[in-house]
Amino acid sequence: MNKQDNNKSSYFYGLVHGIYTLLVGMETSIKVFFRKKTTEQYPENRKELKMFDRYRGTLTMPHNENNEHHCVACSLCQMACPNGTIHIISKTIDTDDGKKRILDRYEYDLGSCIFCQLCVNACPHDAIKFDTNFEHAVFDRSKLVMKLNHEGSKVVEKKKES
């Protein structure tokens, strides 16, 4: 086999290989072209639009009907937050059992949150969670700093076993 035959075979091999890779790419494009479209008409369908359950929207602190929450101001979520999004302000009160630390203010900065969920995983009392709210557009970044505990709320009292 001479050098000219070798050049011809490598030329045809390259040509066939190029056509093959082109067809593989076109196969993917054709599959996507015939797939059912999933475009949402966002502003118009706002009322019936529902996000997935695993979507991380806004950090919330659920309260029950008695305006009670589960946060004991342990600050584990604040320590787990990699960029300082959470600030817990607590105060110490005197009770019959001694001094007790209670939550005064739970501040959350949505503008600097990276939605990593480390705070939710660190909370031993399941006091915080992410909801599926996704509309966060504001003109002033200061409106992204939220107070999660409601006014006058308190910790859920544990039932004493007899």
C-alpha atoms as a PDB file:
ATOM      1  CA  MET A   1       0.000   0.000   0.000  1.00  0.00           C
ATOM      2  CA  ASN A   2       1.509   3.292  -1.025  1.00  0.00           C
ATOM      3  CA  LYS A   3       1.291   6.691   0.613  1.00  0.00           C
ATOM      4  CA  GLN A   4      -1.386   7.962  -1.813  1.00  0.00           C
ATOM      5  CA  ASP A   5      -3.788   5.084  -0.924  1.00  0.00           C
ATOM      6  CA  ASN A   6      -3.263   5.808   2.787  1.00  0.00           C
ATOM      7  CA  ASN A   7      -4.189   9.486   2.285  1.00  0.00           C
ATOM      8  CA  LYS A   8      -7.349   8.497   0.392  1.00  0.00           C
ATOM      9  CA  SER A   9      -8.478   6.080   3.129  1.00  0.00           C
ATOM     10  CA  SER A  10      -7.871   8.658   5.886  1.00  0.00           C
ATOM     11  CA  TYR A  11      -9.740  11.235   3.799  1.00  0.00           C
ATOM     12  CA  PHE A  12     -12.776   8.961   3.369  1.00  0.00           C
ATOM     13  CA  TYR A  13     -12.616   7.874   7.008  1.00  0.00           C
ATOM     14  CA  GLY A  14     -12.667  11.524   8.102  1.00  0.00           C
ATOM     15  CA  LEU A  15     -15.544  12.272   5.726  1.00  0.00           C
ATOM     16  CA  VAL A  16     -17.650   9.329   6.964  1.00  0.00           C
ATOM     17  CA  HIS A  17     -16.854  10.122  10.598  1.00  0.00           C
ATOM     18  CA  GLY A  18     -17.845  13.769  10.084  1.00  0.00           C
ATOM     19  CA  ILE A  19     -21.166  12.801   8.495  1.00  0.00           C
ATOM     20  CA  TYR A  20     -21.812  10.325  11.342  1.00  0.00           C
ATOM     21  CA  THR A  21     -21.242  12.948  14.054  1.00  0.00           C
ATOM     22  CA  LEU A  22     -23.421  15.412  12.138  1.00  0.00           C
ATOM     23  CA  LEU A  23     -26.264  12.863  12.083  1.00  0.00           C
ATOM     24  CA  VAL A  24     -25.888  12.167  15.827  1.00  0.00           C
ATOM     25  CA  GLY A  25     -26.270  15.891  16.538  1.00  0.00           C
ATOM     26  CA  MET A  26     -29.221  16.194  14.192  1.00  0.00           C
ATOM     27  CA  GLU A  27     -30.900  13.199  15.881  1.00  0.00           C
ATOM     28  CA  THR A  28     -30.849  15.069  19.190  1.00  0.00           C
ATOM     29  CA  SER A  29     -32.205  18.234  17.572  1.00  0.00           C
ATOM     30  CA  ILE A  30     -35.016  16.351  15.833  1.00  0.00           C
ATOM     31  CA  LYS A  31     -36.038  14.611  19.087  1.00  0.00           C
ATOM     32  CA  VAL A  32     -36.258  17.969  20.873  1.00  0.00           C
ATOM     33  CA  PHE A  33     -38.174  19.500  17.955  1.00  0.00           C
ATOM     34  CA  PHE A  34     -40.972  16.915  18.224  1.00  0.00           C
ATOM     35  CA  ARG A  35     -41.090  16.925  22.051  1.00  0.00           C
ATOM     36  CA  LYS A  36     -44.138  18.474  23.754  1.00  0.00           C
ATOM     37  CA  LYS A  37     -43.516  22.161  24.397  1.00  0.00           C
ATOM     38  CA  THR A  38     -43.343  23.228  28.060  1.00  0.00           C
ATOM     39  CA  THR A  39     -43.329  27.005  27.722  1.00  0.00           C
ATOM     40  CA  GLU A  40     -45.364  28.726  30.426  1.00  0.00           C
ATOM     41  CA  GLN A  41     -47.284  31.899  29.584  1.00  0.00           C
ATOM     42  CA  TYR A  42     -46.116  33.429  32.841  1.00  0.00           C
ATOM     43  CA  PRO A  43     -47.933  36.646  33.600  1.00  0.00           C
ATOM     44  CA  GLU A  44     -51.216  35.396  32.163  1.00  0.00           C
ATOM     45  CA  ASN A  45     -51.285  32.042  34.003  1.00  0.00           C
ATOM     46  CA  ARG A  46     -50.040  33.339  37.359  1.00  0.00           C
ATOM     47  CA  LYS A  47     -53.091  32.039  39.266  1.00  0.00           C
ATOM     48  CA  GLU A  48     -52.800  28.397  38.166  1.00  0.00           C
ATOM     49  CA  LEU A  49     -48.985  28.255  37.994  1.00  0.00           C
ATOM     50  CA  LYS A  50     -47.518  25.916  40.593  1.00  0.00           C
ATOM     51  CA  MET A  51     -43.830  25.290  41.183  1.00  0.00           C
ATOM     52  CA  PHE A  52     -42.363  21.892  42.004  1.00  0.00           C
ATOM     53  CA  ASP A  53     -42.359  20.825  45.656  1.00  0.00           C
ATOM     54  CA  ARG A  54     -38.553  20.682  45.725  1.00  0.00           C
ATOM     55  CA  TYR A  55     -38.193  24.249  44.425  1.00  0.00           C
ATOM     56  CA  ARG A  56     -36.418  26.582  46.859  1.00  0.00           C
ATOM     57  CA  GLY A  57     -38.094  29.978  46.753  1.00  0.00           C
ATOM     58  CA  THR A  58     -38.146  31.965  49.968  1.00  0.00           C
ATOM     59  CA  LEU A  59     -37.062  30.933  53.443  1.00  0.00           C
ATOM     60  CA  THR A  60     -40.055  30.934  55.801  1.00  0.00           C
ATOM     61  CA  MET A  61     -40.729  30.273  59.449  1.00  0.00           C
ATOM     62  CA  PRO A  62     -44.071  28.482  59.777  1.00  0.00           C
ATOM     63  CA  HIS A  63     -46.331  29.659  62.604  1.00  0.00           C
ATOM     64  CA  ASN A  64     -49.385  27.830  63.917  1.00  0.00           C
ATOM     65  CA  GLU A  65     -52.814  29.335  64.573  1.00  0.00           C
ATOM     66  CA  ASN A  66     -51.660  30.502  68.043  1.00  0.00           C
ATOM     67  CA  ASN A  67     -48.784  32.542  66.495  1.00  0.00           C
ATOM     68  CA  GLU A  68     -46.205  30.033  67.772  1.00  0.00           C
ATOM     69  CA  HIS A  69     -43.077  28.812  65.990  1.00  0.00           C
ATOM     70  CA  HIS A  70     -40.404  26.184  66.686  1.00  0.00           C
ATOM     71  CA  CYS A  71     -37.295  28.420  66.655  1.00  0.00           C
ATOM     72  CA  VAL A  72     -35.387  28.366  69.952  1.00  0.00           C
ATOM     73  CA  ALA A  73     -32.725  30.881  68.788  1.00  0.00           C
ATOM     74  CA  CYS A  74     -29.921  28.307  68.842  1.00  0.00           C
ATOM     75  CA  SER A  75     -28.209  30.087  65.887  1.00  0.00           C
ATOM     76  CA  LEU A  76     -27.216  26.832  64.145  1.00  0.00           C
ATOM     77  CA  CYS A  77     -28.810  28.052  60.903  1.00  0.00           C
ATOM     78  CA  GLN A  78     -26.875  31.313  61.154  1.00  0.00           C
ATOM     79  CA  MET A  79     -23.608  29.417  61.609  1.00  0.00           C
ATOM     80  CA  ALA A  80     -24.407  27.042  58.726  1.00  0.00           C
ATOM     81  CA  CYS A  81     -25.121  29.870  56.283  1.00  0.00           C
ATOM     82  CA  PRO A  82     -22.039  30.254  54.054  1.00  0.00           C
ATOM     83  CA  ASN A  83     -22.529  33.964  53.263  1.00  0.00           C
ATOM     84  CA  GLY A  84     -24.225  35.495  56.307  1.00  0.00           C
ATOM     85  CA  THR A  85     -27.756  35.677  54.963  1.00  0.00           C
ATOM     86  CA  ILE A  86     -29.360  34.919  58.344  1.00  0.00           C
ATOM     87  CA  HIS A  87     -29.083  37.116  61.442  1.00  0.00           C
ATOM     88  CA  ILE A  88     -30.667  35.931  64.675  1.00  0.00           C
ATOM     89  CA  ILE A  89     -31.187  38.464  67.433  1.00  0.00           C
ATOM     90  CA  SER A  90     -32.119  36.891  70.737  1.00  0.00           C
ATOM     91  CA  LYS A  91     -32.685  38.162  74.226  1.00  0.00           C
ATOM     92  CA  THR A  92     -32.352  36.558  77.626  1.00  0.00           C
ATOM     93  CA  ILE A  93     -35.290  36.539  80.011  1.00  0.00           C
ATOM     94  CA  ASP A  94     -35.636  35.356  83.585  1.00  0.00           C
ATOM     95  CA  THR A  95     -38.104  32.519  84.134  1.00  0.00           C
ATOM     96  CA  ASP A  96     -38.952  30.236  87.059  1.00  0.00           C
ATOM     97  CA  ASP A  97     -36.489  27.692  85.624  1.00  0.00           C
ATOM     98  CA  GLY A  98     -33.700  30.250  85.371  1.00  0.00           C
ATOM     99  CA  LYS A  99     -32.476  32.328  82.494  1.00  0.00           C
ATOM    100  CA  LYS A 100     -33.815  31.463  79.073  1.00  0.00           C
ATOM    101  CA  ARG A 101     -32.848  32.650  75.614  1.00  0.00           C
ATOM    102  CA  ILE A 102     -35.735  33.549  73.313  1.00  0.00           C
ATOM    103  CA  LEU A 103     -35.945  34.756  69.740  1.00  0.00           C
ATOM    104  CA  ASP A 104     -36.363  38.496  69.373  1.00  0.00           C
ATOM    105  CA  ARG A 105     -35.834  38.951  65.625  1.00  0.00           C
ATOM    106  CA  TYR A 106     -35.039  36.512  62.792  1.00  0.00           C
ATOM    107  CA  GLU A 107     -33.719  38.434  59.780  1.00  0.00           C
ATOM    108  CA  TYR A 108     -33.256  36.836  56.371  1.00  0.00           C
ATOM    109  CA  ASP A 109     -31.640  38.594  53.396  1.00  0.00           C
ATOM    110  CA  LEU A 110     -33.129  37.068  50.248  1.00  0.00           C
ATOM    111  CA  GLY A 111     -30.838  39.189  48.068  1.00  0.00           C
ATOM    112  CA  SER A 112     -27.693  37.426  49.285  1.00  0.00           C
ATOM    113  CA  CYS A 113     -29.160  33.926  49.731  1.00  0.00           C
ATOM    114  CA  ILE A 114     -27.689  31.239  47.465  1.00  0.00           C
ATOM    115  CA  PHE A 115     -30.541  28.780  48.235  1.00  0.00           C
ATOM    116  CA  CYS A 116     -28.156  26.049  49.363  1.00  0.00           C
ATOM    117  CA  GLN A 117     -30.567  24.842  52.084  1.00  0.00           C
ATOM    118  CA  LEU A 118     -27.758  24.366  54.603  1.00  0.00           C
ATOM    119  CA  CYS A 119     -29.713  26.427  57.146  1.00  0.00           C
ATOM    120  CA  VAL A 120     -32.785  24.190  56.841  1.00  0.00           C
ATOM    121  CA  ASN A 121     -30.654  21.062  57.180  1.00  0.00           C
ATOM    122  CA  ALA A 122     -28.859  22.465  60.245  1.00  0.00           C
ATOM    123  CA  CYS A 123     -32.038  23.339  62.149  1.00  0.00           C
ATOM    124  CA  PRO A 124     -32.713  20.622  64.763  1.00  0.00           C
ATOM    125  CA  HIS A 125     -36.299  21.816  65.402  1.00  0.00           C
ATOM    126  CA  ASP A 126     -37.541  22.138  61.794  1.00  0.00           C
ATOM    127  CA  ALA A 127     -38.300  25.794  62.470  1.00  0.00           C
ATOM    128  CA  ILE A 128     -37.524  27.034  58.960  1.00  0.00           C
ATOM    129  CA  LYS A 129     -38.193  25.769  55.460  1.00  0.00           C
ATOM    130  CA  PHE A 130     -38.210  26.950  51.854  1.00  0.00           C
ATOM    131  CA  ASP A 131     -41.538  27.647  50.165  1.00  0.00           C
ATOM    132  CA  THR A 132     -42.237  27.685  46.432  1.00  0.00           C
ATOM    133  CA  ASN A 133     -42.724  31.447  46.022  1.00  0.00           C
ATOM    134  CA  PHE A 134     -40.670  32.645  43.061  1.00  0.00           C
ATOM    135  CA  GLU A 135     -41.730  36.264  42.507  1.00  0.00           C
ATOM    136  CA  HIS A 136     -38.993  38.319  44.151  1.00  0.00           C
ATOM    137  CA  ALA A 137     -38.609  41.340  41.872  1.00  0.00           C
ATOM    138  CA  VAL A 138     -38.216  44.627  43.764  1.00  0.00           C
ATOM    139  CA  PHE A 139     -36.756  48.029  42.940  1.00  0.00           C
ATOM    140  CA  ASP A 140     -35.114  48.501  46.333  1.00  0.00           C
ATOM    141  CA  ARG A 141     -32.766  45.799  47.691  1.00  0.00           C
ATOM    142  CA  SER A 142     -33.674  46.718  51.271  1.00  0.00           C
ATOM    143  CA  LYS A 143     -37.091  45.128  50.669  1.00  0.00           C
ATOM    144  CA  LEU A 144     -35.335  41.773  50.282  1.00  0.00           C
ATOM    145  CA  VAL A 145     -34.372  41.783  53.980  1.00  0.00           C
ATOM    146  CA  MET A 146     -37.277  40.097  55.739  1.00  0.00           C
ATOM    147  CA  LYS A 147     -38.240  39.450  59.336  1.00  0.00           C
ATOM    148  CA  LEU A 148     -39.432  35.838  59.506  1.00  0.00           C
ATOM    149  CA  ASN A 149     -40.881  35.705  63.012  1.00  0.00           C
ATOM    150  CA  HIS A 150     -44.280  37.358  63.336  1.00  0.00           C
ATOM    151  CA  GLU A 151     -44.927  40.188  65.753  1.00  0.00           C
ATOM    152  CA  GLY A 152     -45.718  38.830  69.227  1.00  0.00           C
ATOM    153  CA  SER A 153     -44.906  35.235  68.316  1.00  0.00           C
ATOM    154  CA  LYS A 154     -43.375  32.802  70.782  1.00  0.00           C
ATOM    155  CA  VAL A 155     -41.907  29.306  70.870  1.00  0.00           C
ATOM    156  CA  VAL A 156     -44.258  26.336  70.957  1.00  0.00           C
ATOM    157  CA  GLU A 157     -44.255  25.032  74.497  1.00  0.00           C
ATOM    158  CA  LYS A 158     -43.318  21.376  74.809  1.00  0.00           C
ATOM    159  CA  LYS A 159     -45.876  19.217  76.552  1.00  0.00           C
ATOM    160  CA  LYS A 160     -44.623  17.930  79.867  1.00  0.00           C
ATOM    161  CA  GLU A 161     -44.906  14.184  80.325  1.00  0.00           C
ATOM    162  CA  SER A 162     -46.453  13.004  83.585  1.00  0.00           C
END
